[in-house]
Amino acid sequence: MSETDIQNEIRLALSAHGVVLRMNTGVFKTEDGRTIRCGIKGTSDLLFIGNGYIAFIEVKTPLGRASPDQINFVKQIQKLGHKAGFARSVKEALNIILGGNTNV
């Protein structure tokens, strides 16, 4: 299963609990050849907005590895008192939003 497939399953499951936003980051070229950069390096894939709280979720495949920037971002969000973590499944994502954080 691809990271996109896992992310879509997570987005669907979490939408029953609040609002889920996909946070696109990266570089792309427009039709006329201009380079566009969007997002902040390391920002998590998903932002969950629940009743009175937020959570950032970085989605990975079972073999996927977090980059140093992603690890730093999650740690900074956690230090600020918000929920954040890495999810390889719907179960892990639900644990982040309902139970707390997960480690890399």
N, C-alpha and C. Protein backbone atom coordinates (compact mmCIF):
# COMPACT_ATOMS: atom_id res chain seq x y z
N MET A 1 0.84 -1.18 0.00
CA MET A 1 0.00 0.00 0.00
C MET A 1 0.89 1.25 0.00
N SER A 2 0.56 2.22 -0.83
CA SER A 2 1.37 3.44 -0.93
C SER A 2 1.06 4.40 0.22
N GLU A 3 1.94 5.37 0.40
CA GLU A 3 1.71 6.38 1.44
C GLU A 3 0.42 7.16 1.15
N THR A 4 0.16 7.42 -0.12
CA THR A 4 -1.08 8.12 -0.50
C THR A 4 -2.30 7.30 -0.12
N ASP A 5 -2.27 5.98 -0.34
CA ASP A 5 -3.39 5.12 0.04
C ASP A 5 -3.62 5.15 1.55
N ILE A 6 -2.53 5.04 2.32
CA ILE A 6 -2.64 5.07 3.78
C ILE A 6 -3.19 6.43 4.22
N GLN A 7 -2.67 7.49 3.62
CA GLN A 7 -3.12 8.83 3.97
C GLN A 7 -4.62 9.00 3.68
N ASN A 8 -5.08 8.50 2.56
CA ASN A 8 -6.50 8.61 2.22
C ASN A 8 -7.37 7.83 3.21
N GLU A 9 -6.93 6.65 3.62
CA GLU A 9 -7.68 5.88 4.62
C GLU A 9 -7.73 6.64 5.94
N ILE A 10 -6.62 7.23 6.34
CA ILE A 10 -6.57 8.01 7.58
C ILE A 10 -7.48 9.23 7.49
N ARG A 11 -7.43 9.94 6.38
CA ARG A 11 -8.28 11.13 6.21
C ARG A 11 -9.75 10.77 6.33
N LEU A 12 -10.14 9.67 5.73
CA LEU A 12 -11.53 9.24 5.79
C LEU A 12 -11.93 8.87 7.22
N ALA A 13 -11.11 8.10 7.91
CA ALA A 13 -11.42 7.67 9.27
C ALA A 13 -11.46 8.84 10.25
N LEU A 14 -10.51 9.76 10.13
CA LEU A 14 -10.45 10.87 11.07
C LEU A 14 -11.54 11.91 10.83
N SER A 15 -12.08 11.95 9.63
CA SER A 15 -13.13 12.93 9.33
C SER A 15 -14.38 12.71 10.17
N ALA A 16 -14.54 11.52 10.73
CA ALA A 16 -15.67 11.26 11.64
C ALA A 16 -15.48 11.94 12.99
N HIS A 17 -14.26 12.42 13.27
CA HIS A 17 -13.94 13.00 14.57
C HIS A 17 -13.67 14.51 14.51
N GLY A 18 -13.54 15.07 13.32
CA GLY A 18 -13.23 16.49 13.17
C GLY A 18 -12.91 16.81 11.72
N VAL A 19 -12.14 17.87 11.54
CA VAL A 19 -11.76 18.32 10.21
C VAL A 19 -10.32 17.89 9.94
N VAL A 20 -10.07 17.36 8.74
CA VAL A 20 -8.73 16.90 8.37
C VAL A 20 -8.28 17.69 7.15
N LEU A 21 -7.12 18.33 7.26
CA LEU A 21 -6.56 19.09 6.15
C LEU A 21 -5.26 18.45 5.70
N ARG A 22 -5.10 18.30 4.41
CA ARG A 22 -3.85 17.81 3.86
C ARG A 22 -2.92 19.00 3.67
N MET A 23 -1.71 18.88 4.19
CA MET A 23 -0.75 19.97 4.17
C MET A 23 0.30 19.67 3.09
N ASN A 24 0.11 20.19 1.91
CA ASN A 24 1.03 19.93 0.81
C ASN A 24 2.30 20.75 0.95
N THR A 25 3.42 20.09 0.82
CA THR A 25 4.71 20.77 0.77
C THR A 25 5.49 20.20 -0.39
N GLY A 26 6.35 21.01 -0.96
CA GLY A 26 7.19 20.51 -2.04
C GLY A 26 7.43 21.54 -3.11
N VAL A 27 7.90 21.07 -4.24
CA VAL A 27 8.26 21.93 -5.36
C VAL A 27 7.59 21.38 -6.61
N PHE A 28 7.06 22.28 -7.42
CA PHE A 28 6.49 21.85 -8.70
C PHE A 28 6.69 22.95 -9.73
N LYS A 29 6.55 22.58 -10.99
CA LYS A 29 6.69 23.55 -12.08
C LYS A 29 5.32 23.81 -12.70
N THR A 30 5.09 25.08 -13.02
CA THR A 30 3.86 25.46 -13.68
C THR A 30 3.97 25.13 -15.17
N GLU A 31 2.86 25.25 -15.89
CA GLU A 31 2.87 24.96 -17.32
C GLU A 31 3.84 25.86 -18.08
N ASP A 32 4.04 27.07 -17.58
CA ASP A 32 4.95 27.98 -18.27
C ASP A 32 6.39 27.90 -17.75
N GLY A 33 6.69 26.86 -16.93
CA GLY A 33 8.06 26.59 -16.51
C GLY A 33 8.52 27.24 -15.22
N ARG A 34 7.65 28.01 -14.56
CA ARG A 34 8.04 28.63 -13.30
C ARG A 34 8.08 27.58 -12.19
N THR A 35 9.05 27.71 -11.28
CA THR A 35 9.19 26.81 -10.14
C THR A 35 8.42 27.41 -8.96
N ILE A 36 7.57 26.60 -8.34
CA ILE A 36 6.78 27.03 -7.19
C ILE A 36 7.14 26.15 -6.01
N ARG A 37 7.47 26.78 -4.89
CA ARG A 37 7.73 26.06 -3.64
C ARG A 37 6.58 26.36 -2.69
N CYS A 38 6.05 25.32 -2.04
CA CYS A 38 4.96 25.56 -1.11
C CYS A 38 5.19 24.77 0.18
N GLY A 39 4.67 25.31 1.26
CA GLY A 39 4.79 24.66 2.55
C GLY A 39 6.12 24.93 3.23
N ILE A 40 6.26 24.39 4.41
CA ILE A 40 7.48 24.51 5.21
C ILE A 40 8.10 23.13 5.34
N LYS A 41 9.38 23.03 5.07
CA LYS A 41 10.08 21.75 5.10
C LYS A 41 9.88 21.07 6.46
N GLY A 42 9.44 19.82 6.43
CA GLY A 42 9.24 19.06 7.65
C GLY A 42 7.82 19.07 8.18
N THR A 43 6.97 19.96 7.65
CA THR A 43 5.59 20.03 8.11
C THR A 43 4.89 18.70 7.89
N SER A 44 4.09 18.29 8.86
CA SER A 44 3.37 17.02 8.78
C SER A 44 2.39 16.99 7.61
N ASP A 45 2.06 15.78 7.16
CA ASP A 45 1.15 15.59 6.04
C ASP A 45 -0.26 16.08 6.33
N LEU A 46 -0.73 15.84 7.54
CA LEU A 46 -2.12 16.14 7.88
C LEU A 46 -2.22 17.01 9.12
N LEU A 47 -3.18 17.93 9.08
CA LEU A 47 -3.55 18.72 10.25
C LEU A 47 -4.97 18.31 10.61
N PHE A 48 -5.14 17.84 11.83
CA PHE A 48 -6.46 17.45 12.33
C PHE A 48 -6.94 18.54 13.29
N ILE A 49 -8.19 18.98 13.11
CA ILE A 49 -8.79 19.96 14.01
C ILE A 49 -9.97 19.31 14.68
N GLY A 50 -9.83 19.09 15.99
CA GLY A 50 -10.88 18.44 16.76
C GLY A 50 -11.60 19.45 17.64
N ASN A 51 -12.42 18.97 18.52
CA ASN A 51 -13.18 19.82 19.42
C ASN A 51 -12.27 20.33 20.53
N GLY A 52 -11.66 21.49 20.32
CA GLY A 52 -10.80 22.08 21.32
C GLY A 52 -9.33 21.73 21.23
N TYR A 53 -8.92 21.05 20.18
CA TYR A 53 -7.50 20.70 20.04
C TYR A 53 -7.15 20.47 18.58
N ILE A 54 -5.84 20.47 18.32
CA ILE A 54 -5.33 20.16 16.99
C ILE A 54 -4.33 19.02 17.11
N ALA A 55 -4.05 18.38 15.98
CA ALA A 55 -3.02 17.34 15.94
C ALA A 55 -2.38 17.35 14.56
N PHE A 56 -1.08 17.14 14.54
CA PHE A 56 -0.34 17.02 13.29
C PHE A 56 0.06 15.57 13.12
N ILE A 57 -0.17 15.03 11.92
CA ILE A 57 0.10 13.61 11.66
C ILE A 57 0.99 13.48 10.42
N GLU A 58 2.13 12.85 10.60
CA GLU A 58 3.02 12.53 9.49
C GLU A 58 2.77 11.08 9.11
N VAL A 59 2.35 10.85 7.87
CA VAL A 59 1.99 9.52 7.40
C VAL A 59 3.20 8.85 6.75
N LYS A 60 3.42 7.60 7.10
CA LYS A 60 4.52 6.81 6.54
C LYS A 60 4.02 5.42 6.16
N THR A 61 4.68 4.81 5.19
CA THR A 61 4.43 3.41 4.88
C THR A 61 5.10 2.57 5.97
N PRO A 62 4.82 1.28 6.02
CA PRO A 62 5.47 0.45 7.03
C PRO A 62 7.00 0.52 7.00
N LEU A 63 7.59 0.75 5.85
CA LEU A 63 9.04 0.83 5.74
C LEU A 63 9.56 2.27 5.62
N GLY A 64 8.64 3.24 5.59
CA GLY A 64 9.03 4.63 5.42
C GLY A 64 9.77 5.19 6.64
N ARG A 65 10.69 6.09 6.38
CA ARG A 65 11.48 6.70 7.45
C ARG A 65 11.21 8.20 7.49
N ALA A 66 11.18 8.72 8.69
CA ALA A 66 10.99 10.15 8.87
C ALA A 66 12.31 10.88 8.64
N SER A 67 12.23 12.04 8.03
CA SER A 67 13.42 12.87 7.83
C SER A 67 13.72 13.62 9.13
N PRO A 68 14.96 14.09 9.27
CA PRO A 68 15.28 14.90 10.46
C PRO A 68 14.36 16.11 10.61
N ASP A 69 14.00 16.75 9.49
CA ASP A 69 13.09 17.90 9.55
C ASP A 69 11.70 17.50 10.06
N GLN A 70 11.21 16.34 9.64
CA GLN A 70 9.90 15.86 10.09
C GLN A 70 9.94 15.53 11.59
N ILE A 71 11.00 14.89 12.02
CA ILE A 71 11.15 14.56 13.44
C ILE A 71 11.20 15.85 14.27
N ASN A 72 11.97 16.82 13.82
CA ASN A 72 12.06 18.09 14.53
C ASN A 72 10.71 18.79 14.60
N PHE A 73 9.97 18.80 13.49
CA PHE A 73 8.67 19.45 13.47
C PHE A 73 7.73 18.82 14.50
N VAL A 74 7.65 17.50 14.50
CA VAL A 74 6.76 16.80 15.45
C VAL A 74 7.18 17.10 16.88
N LYS A 75 8.46 17.07 17.16
CA LYS A 75 8.94 17.36 18.52
C LYS A 75 8.59 18.78 18.95
N GLN A 76 8.72 19.74 18.04
CA GLN A 76 8.39 21.13 18.37
C GLN A 76 6.90 21.30 18.65
N ILE A 77 6.07 20.64 17.86
CA ILE A 77 4.61 20.70 18.09
C ILE A 77 4.27 20.09 19.45
N GLN A 78 4.89 18.95 19.76
CA GLN A 78 4.65 18.30 21.06
C GLN A 78 5.11 19.20 22.21
N LYS A 79 6.25 19.88 22.06
CA LYS A 79 6.75 20.78 23.10
C LYS A 79 5.78 21.93 23.35
N LEU A 80 5.05 22.32 22.31
CA LEU A 80 4.06 23.39 22.45
C LEU A 80 2.76 22.90 23.09
N GLY A 81 2.72 21.60 23.40
CA GLY A 81 1.55 21.05 24.08
C GLY A 81 0.46 20.51 23.18
N HIS A 82 0.76 20.38 21.88
CA HIS A 82 -0.23 19.85 20.95
C HIS A 82 0.06 18.38 20.64
N LYS A 83 -0.91 17.72 20.08
CA LYS A 83 -0.76 16.32 19.70
C LYS A 83 -0.06 16.25 18.35
N ALA A 84 0.88 15.32 18.22
CA ALA A 84 1.60 15.14 16.96
C ALA A 84 2.27 13.78 16.98
N GLY A 85 2.43 13.20 15.79
CA GLY A 85 3.12 11.93 15.72
C GLY A 85 3.15 11.38 14.31
N PHE A 86 3.64 10.16 14.23
CA PHE A 86 3.82 9.45 12.97
C PHE A 86 2.84 8.29 12.93
N ALA A 87 2.16 8.14 11.79
CA ALA A 87 1.15 7.09 11.66
C ALA A 87 1.41 6.27 10.40
N ARG A 88 1.37 4.96 10.57
CA ARG A 88 1.51 4.03 9.45
C ARG A 88 0.18 3.32 9.17
N SER A 89 -0.85 3.70 9.95
CA SER A 89 -2.16 3.06 9.81
C SER A 89 -3.24 3.97 10.42
N VAL A 90 -4.47 3.63 10.14
CA VAL A 90 -5.60 4.35 10.74
C VAL A 90 -5.54 4.22 12.26
N LYS A 91 -5.23 3.05 12.75
CA LYS A 91 -5.17 2.83 14.20
C LYS A 91 -4.17 3.78 14.86
N GLU A 92 -2.99 3.92 14.27
CA GLU A 92 -1.97 4.81 14.84
C GLU A 92 -2.41 6.27 14.77
N ALA A 93 -3.08 6.65 13.68
CA ALA A 93 -3.57 8.02 13.55
C ALA A 93 -4.66 8.31 14.59
N LEU A 94 -5.55 7.35 14.80
CA LEU A 94 -6.58 7.51 15.83
C LEU A 94 -5.94 7.64 17.21
N ASN A 95 -4.88 6.90 17.45
CA ASN A 95 -4.19 7.00 18.73
C ASN A 95 -3.63 8.41 18.93
N ILE A 96 -3.13 9.02 17.86
CA ILE A 96 -2.60 10.37 17.97
C ILE A 96 -3.71 11.35 18.35
N ILE A 97 -4.83 11.31 17.64
CA ILE A 97 -5.88 12.31 17.90
C ILE A 97 -6.69 12.02 19.16
N LEU A 98 -6.81 10.76 19.53
CA LEU A 98 -7.64 10.42 20.69
C LEU A 98 -6.84 10.14 21.96
N GLY A 99 -5.61 9.64 21.78
CA GLY A 99 -4.86 9.24 22.93
C GLY A 99 -3.61 10.04 23.22
N GLY A 100 -3.02 10.60 22.21
CA GLY A 100 -1.80 11.34 22.44
C GLY A 100 -0.84 11.23 21.29
N ASN A 101 0.42 11.16 21.60
CA ASN A 101 1.47 11.19 20.58
C ASN A 101 2.00 9.79 20.28
N THR A 102 2.71 9.68 19.18
CA THR A 102 3.43 8.44 18.86
C THR A 102 4.87 8.80 18.53
N ASN A 103 5.73 7.86 18.72
CA ASN A 103 7.15 8.07 18.40
C ASN A 103 7.43 7.69 16.97
N VAL A 104 8.64 8.03 16.54
CA VAL A 104 9.07 7.70 15.17
C VAL A 104 9.27 6.21 15.07
